[in-house]
Amino acid sequence: PLEGRCPQCPRQLFTRGVEVWRAHIPNPILMVVTTAGGFVLAEIYARYRNIWPLALAQTVGGFLAAALAPASAIHNMRVGTGYLFYGLR
């Protein structure tokens, strides 16, 4: 619906970035990384309308985040209650 009226509207791109951010609460490192990635990937999709390069970029970005950030900081990429209760078992 919004795409037809405003294909590259900044408000729409901001909304997409916030949606990605909310999906990774409460992991602070993933929240920052995925918000930035969400803004960039939303902009790329708005321009080119091709999902395959986005899937490849997200895969590479996920592997890079997992490889570069220490497991103790990102809790093995867990989000939600899995992040909060990581290591209690």
PDB file of N, CA and C in Angstrom:
ATOM      1  N   PRO A   1       0.807  -1.211   0.000  1.00  0.00           N
ATOM      2  CA  PRO A   1       0.000   0.000   0.000  1.00  0.00           C
ATOM      3  C   PRO A   1       0.850   1.276   0.000  1.00  0.00           C
ATOM      4  N   LEU A   2       1.813   1.391   0.909  1.00  0.00           N
ATOM      5  CA  LEU A   2       2.652   2.585   0.931  1.00  0.00           C
ATOM      6  C   LEU A   2       3.611   2.613  -0.249  1.00  0.00           C
ATOM      7  N   GLU A   3       3.999   1.453  -0.747  1.00  0.00           N
ATOM      8  CA  GLU A   3       4.985   1.392  -1.805  1.00  0.00           C
ATOM      9  C   GLU A   3       4.503   2.050  -3.083  1.00  0.00           C
ATOM     10  N   GLY A   4       3.210   1.936  -3.379  1.00  0.00           N
ATOM     11  CA  GLY A   4       2.671   2.535  -4.587  1.00  0.00           C
ATOM     12  C   GLY A   4       2.663   4.048  -4.532  1.00  0.00           C
ATOM     13  N   ARG A   5       2.425   4.618  -3.365  1.00  0.00           N
ATOM     14  CA  ARG A   5       2.351   6.061  -3.231  1.00  0.00           C
ATOM     15  C   ARG A   5       3.709   6.709  -3.045  1.00  0.00           C
ATOM     16  N   CYS A   6       4.590   6.020  -2.390  1.00  0.00           N
ATOM     17  CA  CYS A   6       5.881   6.626  -2.033  1.00  0.00           C
ATOM     18  C   CYS A   6       6.951   5.538  -2.016  1.00  0.00           C
ATOM     19  N   PRO A   7       7.510   5.165  -3.178  1.00  0.00           N
ATOM     20  CA  PRO A   7       8.411   4.011  -3.227  1.00  0.00           C
ATOM     21  C   PRO A   7       9.667   4.136  -2.374  1.00  0.00           C
ATOM     22  N   GLN A   8      10.191   5.343  -2.168  1.00  0.00           N
ATOM     23  CA  GLN A   8      11.412   5.501  -1.378  1.00  0.00           C
ATOM     24  C   GLN A   8      11.200   6.486  -0.238  1.00  0.00           C
ATOM     25  N   CYS A   9      10.023   6.463   0.316  1.00  0.00           N
ATOM     26  CA  CYS A   9       9.663   7.380   1.394  1.00  0.00           C
ATOM     27  C   CYS A   9      10.541   7.124   2.625  1.00  0.00           C
ATOM     28  N   PRO A  10      11.188   8.155   3.176  1.00  0.00           N
ATOM     29  CA  PRO A  10      12.026   7.956   4.362  1.00  0.00           C
ATOM     30  C   PRO A  10      11.259   7.381   5.557  1.00  0.00           C
ATOM     31  N   ARG A  11      10.007   7.742   5.694  1.00  0.00           N
ATOM     32  CA  ARG A  11       9.216   7.212   6.801  1.00  0.00           C
ATOM     33  C   ARG A  11       9.032   5.705   6.666  1.00  0.00           C
ATOM     34  N   GLN A  12       8.821   5.239   5.455  1.00  0.00           N
ATOM     35  CA  GLN A  12       8.662   3.812   5.227  1.00  0.00           C
ATOM     36  C   GLN A  12       9.966   3.069   5.519  1.00  0.00           C
ATOM     37  N   LEU A  13      11.088   3.616   5.094  1.00  0.00           N
ATOM     38  CA  LEU A  13      12.376   2.977   5.358  1.00  0.00           C
ATOM     39  C   LEU A  13      12.673   2.961   6.852  1.00  0.00           C
ATOM     40  N   PHE A  14      12.347   4.049   7.541  1.00  0.00           N
ATOM     41  CA  PHE A  14      12.526   4.103   8.993  1.00  0.00           C
ATOM     42  C   PHE A  14      11.672   3.038   9.674  1.00  0.00           C
ATOM     43  N   THR A  15      10.432   2.882   9.212  1.00  0.00           N
ATOM     44  CA  THR A  15       9.530   1.878   9.785  1.00  0.00           C
ATOM     45  C   THR A  15      10.098   0.477   9.605  1.00  0.00           C
ATOM     46  N   ARG A  16      10.655   0.186   8.447  1.00  0.00           N
ATOM     47  CA  ARG A  16      11.250  -1.140   8.208  1.00  0.00           C
ATOM     48  C   ARG A  16      12.443  -1.374   9.128  1.00  0.00           C
ATOM     49  N   GLY A  17      13.275  -0.366   9.313  1.00  0.00           N
ATOM     50  CA  GLY A  17      14.414  -0.498  10.213  1.00  0.00           C
ATOM     51  C   GLY A  17      13.985  -0.738  11.650  1.00  0.00           C
ATOM     52  N   VAL A  18      12.932  -0.053  12.078  1.00  0.00           N
ATOM     53  CA  VAL A  18      12.425  -0.227  13.444  1.00  0.00           C
ATOM     54  C   VAL A  18      11.807  -1.610  13.618  1.00  0.00           C
ATOM     55  N   GLU A  19      11.148  -2.119  12.592  1.00  0.00           N
ATOM     56  CA  GLU A  19      10.588  -3.474  12.679  1.00  0.00           C
ATOM     57  C   GLU A  19      11.686  -4.507  12.891  1.00  0.00           C
ATOM     58  N   VAL A  20      12.788  -4.349  12.182  1.00  0.00           N
ATOM     59  CA  VAL A  20      13.914  -5.276  12.340  1.00  0.00           C
ATOM     60  C   VAL A  20      14.512  -5.122  13.732  1.00  0.00           C
ATOM     61  N   TRP A  21      14.630  -3.886  14.199  1.00  0.00           N
ATOM     62  CA  TRP A  21      15.160  -3.616  15.532  1.00  0.00           C
ATOM     63  C   TRP A  21      14.319  -4.290  16.612  1.00  0.00           C
ATOM     64  N   ARG A  22      13.006  -4.165  16.502  1.00  0.00           N
ATOM     65  CA  ARG A  22      12.107  -4.752  17.503  1.00  0.00           C
ATOM     66  C   ARG A  22      12.206  -6.268  17.534  1.00  0.00           C
ATOM     67  N   ALA A  23      12.497  -6.876  16.412  1.00  0.00           N
ATOM     68  CA  ALA A  23      12.586  -8.338  16.361  1.00  0.00           C
ATOM     69  C   ALA A  23      13.802  -8.870  17.098  1.00  0.00           C
ATOM     70  N   HIS A  24      14.774  -7.997  17.397  1.00  0.00           N
ATOM     71  CA  HIS A  24      16.011  -8.452  18.033  1.00  0.00           C
ATOM     72  C   HIS A  24      16.175  -7.945  19.464  1.00  0.00           C
ATOM     73  N   ILE A  25      15.113  -7.448  20.054  1.00  0.00           N
ATOM     74  CA  ILE A  25      15.155  -7.024  21.458  1.00  0.00           C
ATOM     75  C   ILE A  25      15.303  -8.270  22.304  1.00  0.00           C
ATOM     76  N   PRO A  26      16.072  -8.333  23.337  1.00  0.00           N
ATOM     77  CA  PRO A  26      16.881  -7.345  24.049  1.00  0.00           C
ATOM     78  C   PRO A  26      18.363  -7.458  23.760  1.00  0.00           C
ATOM     79  N   ASN A  27      18.782  -8.098  22.678  1.00  0.00           N
ATOM     80  CA  ASN A  27      20.199  -8.278  22.374  1.00  0.00           C
ATOM     81  C   ASN A  27      20.755  -6.963  21.806  1.00  0.00           C
ATOM     82  N   PRO A  28      21.519  -6.192  22.583  1.00  0.00           N
ATOM     83  CA  PRO A  28      21.919  -4.849  22.147  1.00  0.00           C
ATOM     84  C   PRO A  28      22.819  -4.845  20.913  1.00  0.00           C
ATOM     85  N   ILE A  29      23.699  -5.801  20.782  1.00  0.00           N
ATOM     86  CA  ILE A  29      24.589  -5.822  19.613  1.00  0.00           C
ATOM     87  C   ILE A  29      23.795  -6.141  18.354  1.00  0.00           C
ATOM     88  N   LEU A  30      22.937  -7.145  18.427  1.00  0.00           N
ATOM     89  CA  LEU A  30      22.127  -7.475  17.252  1.00  0.00           C
ATOM     90  C   LEU A  30      21.138  -6.368  16.923  1.00  0.00           C
ATOM     91  N   MET A  31      20.657  -5.659  17.932  1.00  0.00           N
ATOM     92  CA  MET A  31      19.725  -4.552  17.666  1.00  0.00           C
ATOM     93  C   MET A  31      20.401  -3.476  16.826  1.00  0.00           C
ATOM     94  N   VAL A  32      21.620  -3.132  17.157  1.00  0.00           N
ATOM     95  CA  VAL A  32      22.336  -2.092  16.412  1.00  0.00           C
ATOM     96  C   VAL A  32      22.679  -2.578  15.002  1.00  0.00           C
ATOM     97  N   VAL A  33      23.238  -3.775  14.920  1.00  0.00           N
ATOM     98  CA  VAL A  33      23.676  -4.300  13.619  1.00  0.00           C
ATOM     99  C   VAL A  33      22.483  -4.508  12.681  1.00  0.00           C
ATOM    100  N   THR A  34      21.409  -5.102  13.188  1.00  0.00           N
ATOM    101  CA  THR A  34      20.274  -5.389  12.307  1.00  0.00           C
ATOM    102  C   THR A  34      19.464  -4.147  11.963  1.00  0.00           C
ATOM    103  N   THR A  35      19.476  -3.138  12.831  1.00  0.00           N
ATOM    104  CA  THR A  35      18.796  -1.888  12.476  1.00  0.00           C
ATOM    105  C   THR A  35      19.507  -1.214  11.317  1.00  0.00           C
ATOM    106  N   ALA A  36      20.818  -1.128  11.407  1.00  0.00           N
ATOM    107  CA  ALA A  36      21.587  -0.542  10.302  1.00  0.00           C
ATOM    108  C   ALA A  36      21.387  -1.371   9.029  1.00  0.00           C
ATOM    109  N   GLY A  37      21.453  -2.684   9.167  1.00  0.00           N
ATOM    110  CA  GLY A  37      21.226  -3.551   8.011  1.00  0.00           C
ATOM    111  C   GLY A  37      19.812  -3.428   7.474  1.00  0.00           C
ATOM    112  N   GLY A  38      18.849  -3.270   8.355  1.00  0.00           N
ATOM    113  CA  GLY A  38      17.455  -3.117   7.924  1.00  0.00           C
ATOM    114  C   GLY A  38      17.242  -1.864   7.103  1.00  0.00           C
ATOM    115  N   PHE A  39      17.854  -0.751   7.536  1.00  0.00           N
ATOM    116  CA  PHE A  39      17.755   0.487   6.751  1.00  0.00           C
ATOM    117  C   PHE A  39      18.379   0.318   5.370  1.00  0.00           C
ATOM    118  N   VAL A  40      19.559  -0.254   5.342  1.00  0.00           N
ATOM    119  CA  VAL A  40      20.279  -0.416   4.073  1.00  0.00           C
ATOM    120  C   VAL A  40      19.541  -1.373   3.145  1.00  0.00           C
ATOM    121  N   LEU A  41      19.134  -2.519   3.670  1.00  0.00           N
ATOM    122  CA  LEU A  41      18.466  -3.509   2.819  1.00  0.00           C
ATOM    123  C   LEU A  41      17.093  -3.024   2.359  1.00  0.00           C
ATOM    124  N   ALA A  42      16.388  -2.261   3.192  1.00  0.00           N
ATOM    125  CA  ALA A  42      15.098  -1.697   2.763  1.00  0.00           C
ATOM    126  C   ALA A  42      15.302  -0.709   1.621  1.00  0.00           C
ATOM    127  N   GLU A  43      16.340   0.091   1.708  1.00  0.00           N
ATOM    128  CA  GLU A  43      16.641   1.042   0.639  1.00  0.00           C
ATOM    129  C   GLU A  43      17.016   0.311  -0.654  1.00  0.00           C
ATOM    130  N   ILE A  44      17.829  -0.715  -0.540  1.00  0.00           N
ATOM    131  CA  ILE A  44      18.216  -1.487  -1.726  1.00  0.00           C
ATOM    132  C   ILE A  44      16.998  -2.151  -2.352  1.00  0.00           C
ATOM    133  N   TYR A  45      16.126  -2.726  -1.533  1.00  0.00           N
ATOM    134  CA  TYR A  45      14.937  -3.375  -2.081  1.00  0.00           C
ATOM    135  C   TYR A  45      13.997  -2.353  -2.726  1.00  0.00           C
ATOM    136  N   ALA A  46      13.870  -1.183  -2.121  1.00  0.00           N
ATOM    137  CA  ALA A  46      12.998  -0.154  -2.700  1.00  0.00           C
ATOM    138  C   ALA A  46      13.493   0.279  -4.072  1.00  0.00           C
ATOM    139  N   ARG A  47      14.791   0.243  -4.286  1.00  0.00           N
ATOM    140  CA  ARG A  47      15.340   0.664  -5.577  1.00  0.00           C
ATOM    141  C   ARG A  47      15.306  -0.430  -6.628  1.00  0.00           C
ATOM    142  N   TYR A  48      15.664  -1.656  -6.256  1.00  0.00           N
ATOM    143  CA  TYR A  48      15.883  -2.699  -7.258  1.00  0.00           C
ATOM    144  C   TYR A  48      14.845  -3.806  -7.275  1.00  0.00           C
ATOM    145  N   ARG A  49      14.075  -3.983  -6.224  1.00  0.00           N
ATOM    146  CA  ARG A  49      13.001  -4.994  -6.153  1.00  0.00           C
ATOM    147  C   ARG A  49      13.472  -6.403  -6.495  1.00  0.00           C
ATOM    148  N   ASN A  50      14.596  -6.813  -5.897  1.00  0.00           N
ATOM    149  CA  ASN A  50      15.104  -8.158  -6.102  1.00  0.00           C
ATOM    150  C   ASN A  50      15.494  -8.732  -4.745  1.00  0.00           C
ATOM    151  N   ILE A  51      14.898  -9.850  -4.371  1.00  0.00           N
ATOM    152  CA  ILE A  51      15.078 -10.400  -3.041  1.00  0.00           C
ATOM    153  C   ILE A  51      16.343 -11.239  -2.898  1.00  0.00           C
ATOM    154  N   TRP A  52      16.853 -11.810  -3.990  1.00  0.00           N
ATOM    155  CA  TRP A  52      17.992 -12.718  -3.894  1.00  0.00           C
ATOM    156  C   TRP A  52      19.277 -12.054  -3.417  1.00  0.00           C
ATOM    157  N   PRO A  53      19.637 -10.886  -3.915  1.00  0.00           N
ATOM    158  CA  PRO A  53      20.832 -10.236  -3.353  1.00  0.00           C
ATOM    159  C   PRO A  53      20.665  -9.878  -1.880  1.00  0.00           C
ATOM    160  N   LEU A  54      19.445  -9.557  -1.473  1.00  0.00           N
ATOM    161  CA  LEU A  54      19.192  -9.246  -0.061  1.00  0.00           C
ATOM    162  C   LEU A  54      19.374 -10.486   0.809  1.00  0.00           C
ATOM    163  N   ALA A  55      18.908 -11.618   0.331  1.00  0.00           N
ATOM    164  CA  ALA A  55      19.082 -12.863   1.083  1.00  0.00           C
ATOM    165  C   ALA A  55      20.559 -13.205   1.225  1.00  0.00           C
ATOM    166  N   LEU A  56      21.310 -13.021   0.155  1.00  0.00           N
ATOM    167  CA  LEU A  56      22.746 -13.281   0.207  1.00  0.00           C
ATOM    168  C   LEU A  56      23.443 -12.305   1.163  1.00  0.00           C
ATOM    169  N   ALA A  57      23.084 -11.027   1.096  1.00  0.00           N
ATOM    170  CA  ALA A  57      23.690 -10.024   1.982  1.00  0.00           C
ATOM    171  C   ALA A  57      23.353 -10.303   3.443  1.00  0.00           C
ATOM    172  N   GLN A  58      22.131 -10.726   3.715  1.00  0.00           N
ATOM    173  CA  GLN A  58      21.749 -11.034   5.090  1.00  0.00           C
ATOM    174  C   GLN A  58      22.495 -12.265   5.601  1.00  0.00           C
ATOM    175  N   THR A  59      22.681 -13.247   4.750  1.00  0.00           N
ATOM    176  CA  THR A  59      23.426 -14.442   5.138  1.00  0.00           C
ATOM    177  C   THR A  59      24.878 -14.102   5.461  1.00  0.00           C
ATOM    178  N   VAL A  60      25.502 -13.350   4.584  1.00  0.00           N
ATOM    179  CA  VAL A  60      26.895 -12.950   4.809  1.00  0.00           C
ATOM    180  C   VAL A  60      27.007 -12.085   6.062  1.00  0.00           C
ATOM    181  N   GLY A  61      26.078 -11.140   6.223  1.00  0.00           N
ATOM    182  CA  GLY A  61      26.094 -10.278   7.403  1.00  0.00           C
ATOM    183  C   GLY A  61      25.904 -11.053   8.693  1.00  0.00           C
ATOM    184  N   GLY A  62      25.032 -12.044   8.678  1.00  0.00           N
ATOM    185  CA  GLY A  62      24.825 -12.876   9.860  1.00  0.00           C
ATOM    186  C   GLY A  62      26.055 -13.676  10.234  1.00  0.00           C
ATOM    187  N   PHE A  63      26.702 -14.246   9.220  1.00  0.00           N
ATOM    188  CA  PHE A  63      27.939 -14.984   9.490  1.00  0.00           C
ATOM    189  C   PHE A  63      29.045 -14.064  10.001  1.00  0.00           C
ATOM    190  N   LEU A  64      29.136 -12.861   9.441  1.00  0.00           N
ATOM    191  CA  LEU A  64      30.146 -11.914   9.905  1.00  0.00           C
ATOM    192  C   LEU A  64      29.892 -11.483  11.348  1.00  0.00           C
ATOM    193  N   ALA A  65      28.640 -11.204  11.675  1.00  0.00           N
ATOM    194  CA  ALA A  65      28.311 -10.804  13.047  1.00  0.00           C
ATOM    195  C   ALA A  65      28.625 -11.935  14.017  1.00  0.00           C
ATOM    196  N   ALA A  66      28.306 -13.153  13.634  1.00  0.00           N
ATOM    197  CA  ALA A  66      28.579 -14.296  14.509  1.00  0.00           C
ATOM    198  C   ALA A  66      30.078 -14.544  14.651  1.00  0.00           C
ATOM    199  N   ALA A  67      30.831 -14.293  13.606  1.00  0.00           N
ATOM    200  CA  ALA A  67      32.267 -14.548  13.650  1.00  0.00           C
ATOM    201  C   ALA A  67      33.039 -13.445  14.369  1.00  0.00           C
ATOM    202  N   LEU A  68      32.585 -12.200  14.241  1.00  0.00           N
ATOM    203  CA  LEU A  68      33.342 -11.078  14.795  1.00  0.00           C
ATOM    204  C   LEU A  68      32.985 -10.740  16.236  1.00  0.00           C
ATOM    205  N   ALA A  69      31.748 -10.952  16.620  1.00  0.00           N
ATOM    206  CA  ALA A  69      31.329 -10.619  17.991  1.00  0.00           C
ATOM    207  C   ALA A  69      31.563 -11.830  18.895  1.00  0.00           C
ATOM    208  N   PRO A  70      32.050 -11.609  20.095  1.00  0.00           N
ATOM    209  CA  PRO A  70      32.262 -12.743  21.006  1.00  0.00           C
ATOM    210  C   PRO A  70      30.932 -13.366  21.425  1.00  0.00           C
ATOM    211  N   ALA A  71      30.925 -14.681  21.558  1.00  0.00           N
ATOM    212  CA  ALA A  71      29.697 -15.400  21.910  1.00  0.00           C
ATOM    213  C   ALA A  71      29.143 -14.927  23.249  1.00  0.00           C
ATOM    214  N   SER A  72      30.013 -14.527  24.163  1.00  0.00           N
ATOM    215  CA  SER A  72      29.538 -14.059  25.463  1.00  0.00           C
ATOM    216  C   SER A  72      28.788 -12.738  25.346  1.00  0.00           C
ATOM    217  N   ALA A  73      29.080 -11.949  24.325  1.00  0.00           N
ATOM    218  CA  ALA A  73      28.398 -10.664  24.145  1.00  0.00           C
ATOM    219  C   ALA A  73      27.070 -10.819  23.412  1.00  0.00           C
ATOM    220  N   ILE A  74      27.028 -11.692  22.425  1.00  0.00           N
ATOM    221  CA  ILE A  74      25.794 -11.820  21.640  1.00  0.00           C
ATOM    222  C   ILE A  74      24.971 -13.037  22.043  1.00  0.00           C
ATOM    223  N   HIS A  75      25.460 -13.806  22.994  1.00  0.00           N
ATOM    224  CA  HIS A  75      24.744 -14.993  23.492  1.00  0.00           C
ATOM    225  C   HIS A  75      24.334 -15.909  22.354  1.00  0.00           C
ATOM    226  N   ASN A  76      25.271 -16.154  21.456  1.00  0.00           N
ATOM    227  CA  ASN A  76      25.042 -17.037  20.304  1.00  0.00           C
ATOM    228  C   ASN A  76      23.848 -16.616  19.452  1.00  0.00           C
ATOM    229  N   MET A  77      23.700 -15.315  19.259  1.00  0.00           N
ATOM    230  CA  MET A  77      22.678 -14.713  18.382  1.00  0.00           C
ATOM    231  C   MET A  77      21.254 -14.979  18.868  1.00  0.00           C
ATOM    232  N   ARG A  78      21.061 -15.151  20.142  1.00  0.00           N
ATOM    233  CA  ARG A  78      19.718 -15.371  20.666  1.00  0.00           C
ATOM    234  C   ARG A  78      19.015 -14.042  20.887  1.00  0.00           C
ATOM    235  N   VAL A  79      17.681 -14.067  20.786  1.00  0.00           N
ATOM    236  CA  VAL A  79      16.869 -12.883  21.040  1.00  0.00           C
ATOM    237  C   VAL A  79      15.722 -13.267  21.964  1.00  0.00           C
ATOM    238  N   GLY A  80      15.026 -12.266  22.493  1.00  0.00           N
ATOM    239  CA  GLY A  80      13.881 -12.510  23.369  1.00  0.00           C
ATOM    240  C   GLY A  80      14.290 -13.170  24.668  1.00  0.00           C
ATOM    241  N   THR A  81      13.445 -14.069  25.161  1.00  0.00           N
ATOM    242  CA  THR A  81      13.732 -14.723  26.439  1.00  0.00           C
ATOM    243  C   THR A  81      14.928 -15.651  26.345  1.00  0.00           C
ATOM    244  N   GLY A  82      15.225 -16.158  25.157  1.00  0.00           N
ATOM    245  CA  GLY A  82      16.420 -16.980  24.981  1.00  0.00           C
ATOM    246  C   GLY A  82      17.691 -16.202  25.284  1.00  0.00           C
ATOM    247  N   TYR A  83      17.698 -14.905  24.988  1.00  0.00           N
ATOM    248  CA  TYR A  83      18.840 -14.057  25.310  1.00  0.00           C
ATOM    249  C   TYR A  83      18.912 -13.811  26.814  1.00  0.00           C
ATOM    250  N   LEU A  84      17.766 -13.549  27.422  1.00  0.00           N
ATOM    251  CA  LEU A  84      17.734 -13.224  28.846  1.00  0.00           C
ATOM    252  C   LEU A  84      18.135 -14.404  29.717  1.00  0.00           C
ATOM    253  N   PHE A  85      17.729 -15.595  29.333  1.00  0.00           N
ATOM    254  CA  PHE A  85      18.001 -16.781  30.151  1.00  0.00           C
ATOM    255  C   PHE A  85      19.150 -17.624  29.615  1.00  0.00           C
ATOM    256  N   TYR A  86      19.988 -17.047  28.770  1.00  0.00           N
ATOM    257  CA  TYR A  86      21.119 -17.762  28.191  1.00  0.00           C
ATOM    258  C   TYR A  86      22.104 -18.152  29.284  1.00  0.00           C
ATOM    259  N   GLY A  87      22.490 -19.393  29.310  1.00  0.00           N
ATOM    260  CA  GLY A  87      23.483 -19.856  30.253  1.00  0.00           C
ATOM    261  C   GLY A  87      22.947 -20.283  31.612  1.00  0.00           C
ATOM    262  N   LEU A  88      21.647 -20.267  31.805  1.00  0.00           N
ATOM    263  CA  LEU A  88      21.079 -20.654  33.095  1.00  0.00           C
ATOM    264  C   LEU A  88      20.907 -22.150  33.241  1.00  0.00           C
ATOM    265  N   ARG A  89      20.977 -22.874  32.158  1.00  0.00           N
ATOM    266  CA  ARG A  89      20.759 -24.324  32.231  1.00  0.00           C
ATOM    267  C   ARG A  89      22.011 -25.051  32.585  1.00  0.00           C
TER     268      ARG A  89
END
